[in-house]
Amino acid sequence: MAENTRSLAVALRTLFSLLGAFMLATLLYTLFTDGSPFRKELLTPWMAATLIDFYINVVALAVWVAYKESNWISSFLWIIFLICFGSIATCSYIVLQFLKLSPQESSQDPMYYVLLRNPNKTTAAEPKRKNSFVVALRALFGILGVFMLGTIVYTLVTDGSPFRMELLTPWMAATLVDFYINVVAISVWIAYKESSWINAAFWIILLICFGSAATSTYIVWQLFQISCQDPVYLILKANIRGFLMRHNSNGGYEQMFMQISLRIQLCKLQESYCFSKC
């Protein structure tokens, strides 16, 4: 079990290192062969729709980064990097989080420790702030999902099919590569989160086909699985039953269940303690 989770951490770190390097090479190649991306003729209706799609996914990643970082300065810098460098920044940030893992964390549940903030960095004032975020994020991603769906429908009606060769300019191709690398990052979270591979595959297919409209729908759905009083970070955690079913291959069901239950109880005690101090 420990060996499998360590291998998962190494595999994901390698995957995102390669994807980041590939995107950097794609960006440099397109700059050298096709010139600046800031040209008016490149901004076709479908390029505009693709950029909107891309940046809605960036919003989802930026919310995670803002939660994960221990101070607003580092959060702000990483979000600027996400906006300017897209999936290069996404991959760099994810690889950095994996490199920060201790050997013990890598052998237990690396995705848990990558997705969630270190509890030692949690401040006493945070529980009250988080409680108010659930409704706000439901509204935010609900609006973004509807907006993206409206953008797709409008562009289809006014500009026709996106599957035309003349639309596949070098910068459109680079933007699509950038977009789908971010989709890979979100898909890894969904695969970790979902209780079965069928559910995970279903949502990942929706992500590939409908982009940020599916991302927003999934996030809103997860936010409705928790109450308005719960901290938002609960949506990052895996379904416990699914985690046990998928990762327990050596008959240690009860032992692992006890470990995860103790972890949850510890988190709840920490939150209660912080809340009482407020």
Protein backbone atom coordinates (compact mmCIF):
# COMPACT_ATOMS: atom_id res chain seq x y z
CA MET A 1 0.00 0.00 0.00
CA ALA A 2 2.74 2.46 1.03
CA GLU A 3 4.80 1.52 -2.03
CA ASN A 4 1.80 2.09 -4.31
CA THR A 5 1.11 5.55 -2.91
CA ARG A 6 4.78 6.53 -3.18
CA SER A 7 4.73 5.38 -6.80
CA LEU A 8 1.60 7.47 -7.38
CA ALA A 9 3.34 10.57 -6.02
CA VAL A 10 6.38 9.99 -8.25
CA ALA A 11 4.18 9.28 -11.30
CA LEU A 12 2.11 12.45 -10.86
CA ARG A 13 5.19 14.57 -10.21
CA THR A 14 6.79 13.20 -13.38
CA LEU A 15 3.58 13.64 -15.39
CA PHE A 16 3.18 17.31 -14.51
CA SER A 17 6.90 17.98 -14.99
CA LEU A 18 6.65 16.59 -18.53
CA LEU A 19 3.41 18.44 -19.27
CA GLY A 20 4.89 21.72 -18.03
CA ALA A 21 8.02 21.24 -20.15
CA PHE A 22 5.89 20.32 -23.17
CA MET A 23 3.76 23.45 -22.78
CA LEU A 24 6.86 25.63 -22.41
CA ALA A 25 8.30 24.13 -25.61
CA THR A 26 4.95 24.64 -27.39
CA LEU A 27 4.84 28.28 -26.29
CA LEU A 28 8.41 29.00 -27.42
CA TYR A 29 7.96 27.18 -30.73
CA THR A 30 4.75 29.06 -31.53
CA LEU A 31 6.35 32.39 -30.61
CA PHE A 32 9.30 31.75 -32.93
CA THR A 33 7.27 30.36 -35.84
CA ASP A 34 4.10 32.46 -35.70
CA GLY A 35 5.11 35.63 -33.88
CA SER A 36 3.23 37.50 -31.19
CA PRO A 37 -0.14 36.17 -29.97
CA PHE A 38 -1.35 39.74 -29.40
CA ARG A 39 -2.65 40.32 -32.93
CA LYS A 40 -6.19 41.36 -33.68
CA GLU A 41 -6.63 38.92 -36.56
CA LEU A 42 -6.07 35.97 -34.20
CA LEU A 43 -9.06 36.89 -32.05
CA THR A 44 -11.72 34.98 -33.98
CA PRO A 45 -15.05 34.21 -32.27
CA TRP A 46 -13.93 30.66 -31.48
CA MET A 47 -10.56 31.83 -30.16
CA ALA A 48 -12.41 34.23 -27.85
CA ALA A 49 -14.69 31.39 -26.68
CA THR A 50 -11.65 29.15 -26.09
CA LEU A 51 -9.95 31.85 -24.02
CA ILE A 52 -13.08 32.30 -21.90
CA ASP A 53 -13.20 28.52 -21.43
CA PHE A 54 -9.53 28.49 -20.48
CA TYR A 55 -9.77 31.29 -17.93
CA ILE A 56 -12.84 29.88 -16.18
CA ASN A 57 -10.76 26.77 -15.46
CA VAL A 58 -7.99 29.11 -14.28
CA VAL A 59 -10.49 30.63 -11.82
CA ALA A 60 -11.11 27.16 -10.35
CA LEU A 61 -7.37 26.52 -10.01
CA ALA A 62 -6.82 30.01 -8.59
CA VAL A 63 -9.40 29.40 -5.84
CA TRP A 64 -7.49 26.26 -4.84
CA VAL A 65 -4.16 28.14 -4.86
CA ALA A 66 -5.65 30.95 -2.75
CA TYR A 67 -6.79 28.36 -0.19
CA LYS A 68 -3.57 26.36 -0.30
CA GLU A 69 -1.11 29.21 0.16
CA SER A 70 -0.34 30.41 3.67
CA ASN A 71 -0.34 34.13 2.84
CA TRP A 72 -2.00 36.47 0.36
CA ILE A 73 1.28 37.63 -1.21
CA SER A 74 2.26 34.16 -2.40
CA SER A 75 -1.36 33.50 -3.43
CA PHE A 76 -1.40 36.69 -5.49
CA LEU A 77 1.92 35.89 -7.19
CA TRP A 78 0.86 32.36 -8.14
CA ILE A 79 -2.50 33.56 -9.45
CA ILE A 80 -0.70 36.14 -11.62
CA PHE A 81 1.52 33.33 -12.92
CA LEU A 82 -1.59 31.24 -13.70
CA ILE A 83 -3.12 34.13 -15.65
CA CYS A 84 0.07 34.93 -17.58
CA PHE A 85 1.62 31.49 -18.11
CA GLY A 86 -1.40 29.19 -17.92
CA SER A 87 -0.69 25.50 -17.56
CA ILE A 88 3.06 26.07 -17.21
CA ALA A 89 2.30 27.74 -13.87
CA THR A 90 -0.28 25.05 -13.03
CA CYS A 91 2.24 22.25 -13.57
CA SER A 92 5.01 24.12 -11.75
CA TYR A 93 2.78 24.69 -8.73
CA ILE A 94 1.60 21.07 -8.59
CA VAL A 95 5.16 19.70 -8.93
CA LEU A 96 6.28 22.06 -6.16
CA GLN A 97 3.51 20.74 -3.88
CA PHE A 98 4.63 17.15 -4.52
CA LEU A 99 8.25 18.07 -3.81
CA LYS A 100 7.20 19.50 -0.44
CA LEU A 101 5.76 16.17 0.71
CA SER A 102 7.62 14.32 3.42
CA PRO A 103 8.37 10.59 2.89
CA GLN A 104 5.62 9.78 5.39
CA GLU A 105 3.04 11.91 3.53
CA SER A 106 4.06 10.36 0.20
CA SER A 107 3.55 6.87 1.62
CA GLN A 108 0.14 7.61 3.19
CA ASP A 109 -2.04 9.65 0.83
CA PRO A 110 -0.04 12.11 -1.31
CA MET A 111 -3.10 13.58 -3.03
CA TYR A 112 -4.64 14.46 0.33
CA TYR A 113 -1.55 16.41 1.39
CA VAL A 114 -1.11 18.08 -2.00
CA LEU A 115 -4.72 19.23 -2.20
CA LEU A 116 -5.19 20.35 1.39
CA ARG A 117 -3.29 22.97 3.32
CA ASN A 118 -0.94 21.89 6.06
CA PRO A 119 -3.05 22.05 9.27
CA ASN A 120 -0.11 23.65 11.08
CA LYS A 121 -0.55 26.71 8.84
CA THR A 122 -4.23 27.14 9.66
CA THR A 123 -4.98 30.28 11.62
CA ALA A 124 -7.64 30.70 14.28
CA ALA A 125 -9.66 33.14 12.21
CA GLU A 126 -10.08 30.84 9.21
CA PRO A 127 -13.17 28.76 10.14
CA LYS A 128 -15.43 31.81 10.22
CA ARG A 129 -14.13 33.00 6.87
CA LYS A 130 -14.57 29.62 5.21
CA ASN A 131 -18.16 29.26 6.32
CA SER A 132 -19.24 32.25 4.25
CA PHE A 133 -17.47 30.98 1.12
CA VAL A 134 -19.75 28.03 0.32
CA VAL A 135 -22.71 30.10 -0.87
CA ALA A 136 -20.45 32.62 -2.62
CA LEU A 137 -18.63 29.89 -4.55
CA ARG A 138 -21.89 28.17 -5.47
CA ALA A 139 -23.05 31.46 -6.98
CA LEU A 140 -19.69 32.20 -8.64
CA PHE A 141 -19.28 28.86 -10.40
CA GLY A 142 -22.99 28.64 -11.18
CA ILE A 143 -22.76 31.98 -13.00
CA LEU A 144 -19.49 31.02 -14.74
CA GLY A 145 -20.95 27.70 -15.92
CA VAL A 146 -24.07 29.35 -17.33
CA PHE A 147 -21.95 32.08 -18.93
CA MET A 148 -19.70 29.51 -20.62
CA LEU A 149 -22.67 27.52 -21.86
CA GLY A 150 -24.19 30.72 -23.25
CA THR A 151 -20.88 31.59 -24.93
CA ILE A 152 -20.73 28.19 -26.65
CA VAL A 153 -24.32 28.42 -27.90
CA TYR A 154 -23.88 32.03 -29.08
CA THR A 155 -20.62 31.24 -30.93
CA LEU A 156 -22.17 28.16 -32.56
CA VAL A 157 -25.13 30.21 -33.79
CA THR A 158 -23.11 33.20 -35.01
CA ASP A 159 -19.90 31.57 -36.28
CA GLY A 160 -20.85 27.98 -37.06
CA SER A 161 -18.98 24.80 -36.24
CA PRO A 162 -15.63 24.98 -34.42
CA PHE A 163 -14.40 21.93 -36.36
CA ARG A 164 -13.04 23.85 -39.36
CA MET A 165 -9.41 23.65 -40.46
CA GLU A 166 -9.08 27.42 -40.98
CA LEU A 167 -9.72 27.94 -37.27
CA LEU A 168 -6.76 25.76 -36.24
CA THR A 169 -4.09 28.46 -36.37
CA PRO A 170 -0.78 27.87 -34.56
CA TRP A 171 -1.90 30.00 -31.62
CA MET A 172 -5.28 28.27 -31.44
CA ALA A 173 -3.44 24.93 -31.28
CA ALA A 174 -1.16 26.24 -28.51
CA THR A 175 -4.18 27.55 -26.59
CA LEU A 176 -5.89 24.17 -26.85
CA VAL A 177 -2.77 22.40 -25.56
CA ASP A 178 -2.66 24.90 -22.67
CA PHE A 179 -6.35 24.36 -21.98
CA TYR A 180 -6.20 20.56 -21.94
CA ILE A 181 -3.17 20.42 -19.66
CA ASN A 182 -5.27 22.30 -17.10
CA VAL A 183 -8.05 19.81 -17.79
CA VAL A 184 -5.61 17.01 -16.91
CA ALA A 185 -4.92 18.70 -13.56
CA ILE A 186 -8.64 19.00 -12.76
CA SER A 187 -9.22 15.43 -13.98
CA VAL A 188 -6.64 14.08 -11.52
CA TRP A 189 -8.58 15.71 -8.68
CA ILE A 190 -11.86 14.25 -9.95
CA ALA A 191 -10.33 10.77 -10.29
CA TYR A 192 -9.12 11.05 -6.68
CA LYS A 193 -12.41 12.48 -5.43
CA GLU A 194 -14.94 10.18 -7.06
CA SER A 195 -16.08 6.98 -5.38
CA SER A 196 -15.85 4.82 -8.52
CA TRP A 197 -13.88 4.80 -11.74
CA ILE A 198 -17.14 4.88 -13.72
CA ASN A 199 -18.16 8.19 -12.13
CA ALA A 200 -14.65 9.56 -12.58
CA ALA A 201 -14.55 8.54 -16.26
CA PHE A 202 -17.99 10.08 -16.84
CA TRP A 203 -16.97 13.46 -15.43
CA ILE A 204 -13.60 13.45 -17.19
CA ILE A 205 -15.32 12.83 -20.54
CA LEU A 206 -17.63 15.77 -19.78
CA LEU A 207 -14.56 17.90 -18.99
CA ILE A 208 -12.94 16.99 -22.30
CA CYS A 209 -16.12 17.68 -24.28
CA PHE A 210 -17.57 20.70 -22.46
CA GLY A 211 -14.56 22.22 -20.74
CA SER A 212 -15.18 24.76 -18.01
CA ALA A 213 -18.96 24.33 -18.24
CA ALA A 214 -18.40 20.80 -16.88
CA THR A 215 -15.80 22.05 -14.38
CA SER A 216 -18.23 24.62 -12.99
CA THR A 217 -21.07 22.10 -12.86
CA TYR A 218 -18.94 19.59 -10.97
CA ILE A 219 -17.73 22.17 -8.45
CA VAL A 220 -21.27 23.47 -7.83
CA TRP A 221 -22.51 19.90 -7.39
CA GLN A 222 -19.75 19.20 -4.85
CA LEU A 223 -20.53 22.43 -3.00
CA PHE A 224 -24.14 21.32 -2.65
CA GLN A 225 -22.92 18.09 -1.01
CA ILE A 226 -21.78 20.13 2.01
CA SER A 227 -23.72 22.56 4.17
CA CYS A 228 -23.26 26.32 4.23
CA GLN A 229 -21.59 25.97 7.65
CA ASP A 230 -18.93 23.54 6.41
CA PRO A 231 -15.48 24.73 5.34
CA VAL A 232 -15.10 24.81 1.55
CA TYR A 233 -11.98 22.64 1.54
CA LEU A 234 -14.13 19.57 2.30
CA ILE A 235 -14.91 19.32 -1.43
CA LEU A 236 -11.22 18.65 -2.10
CA LYS A 237 -11.25 15.44 -0.08
CA ALA A 238 -11.82 12.02 -1.56
CA ASN A 239 -14.97 10.04 -0.88
CA ILE A 240 -13.82 7.81 2.02
CA ARG A 241 -15.71 4.72 0.88
CA GLY A 242 -14.36 5.06 -2.66
CA PHE A 243 -10.84 5.67 -1.39
CA LEU A 244 -10.96 2.47 0.67
CA MET A 245 -12.43 0.39 -2.16
CA ARG A 246 -9.89 1.57 -4.73
CA HIS A 247 -6.76 1.58 -2.56
CA ASN A 248 -7.33 -1.35 -0.25
CA SER A 249 -5.86 -4.37 -2.05
CA ASN A 250 -4.24 -6.13 0.90
CA GLY A 251 -7.21 -6.74 3.20
CA GLY A 252 -6.42 -3.87 5.55
CA TYR A 253 -9.88 -2.34 5.25
CA GLU A 254 -10.55 -1.90 8.95
CA GLN A 255 -7.10 -0.54 9.76
CA MET A 256 -7.26 2.02 6.96
CA PHE A 257 -10.80 3.01 7.89
CA MET A 258 -9.64 3.68 11.45
CA GLN A 259 -6.71 5.78 10.22
CA ILE A 260 -8.91 7.93 8.02
CA SER A 261 -11.59 8.25 10.71
CA LEU A 262 -8.96 9.40 13.20
CA ARG A 263 -7.69 11.94 10.68
CA ILE A 264 -11.19 13.34 10.19
CA GLN A 265 -11.80 13.51 13.94
CA LEU A 266 -8.49 15.33 14.39
CA CYS A 267 -9.46 17.87 11.73
CA LYS A 268 -12.81 18.43 13.41
CA LEU A 269 -11.16 18.92 16.81
CA GLN A 270 -8.73 21.43 15.30
CA GLU A 271 -11.59 23.35 13.69
CA SER A 272 -13.61 23.35 16.93
CA TYR A 273 -10.62 24.56 18.90
CA CYS A 274 -9.91 27.37 16.42
CA PHE A 275 -13.59 28.34 16.36
CA SER A 276 -13.76 28.49 20.18
CA LYS A 277 -10.70 30.73 20.28
CA CYS A 278 -12.44 33.13 17.89
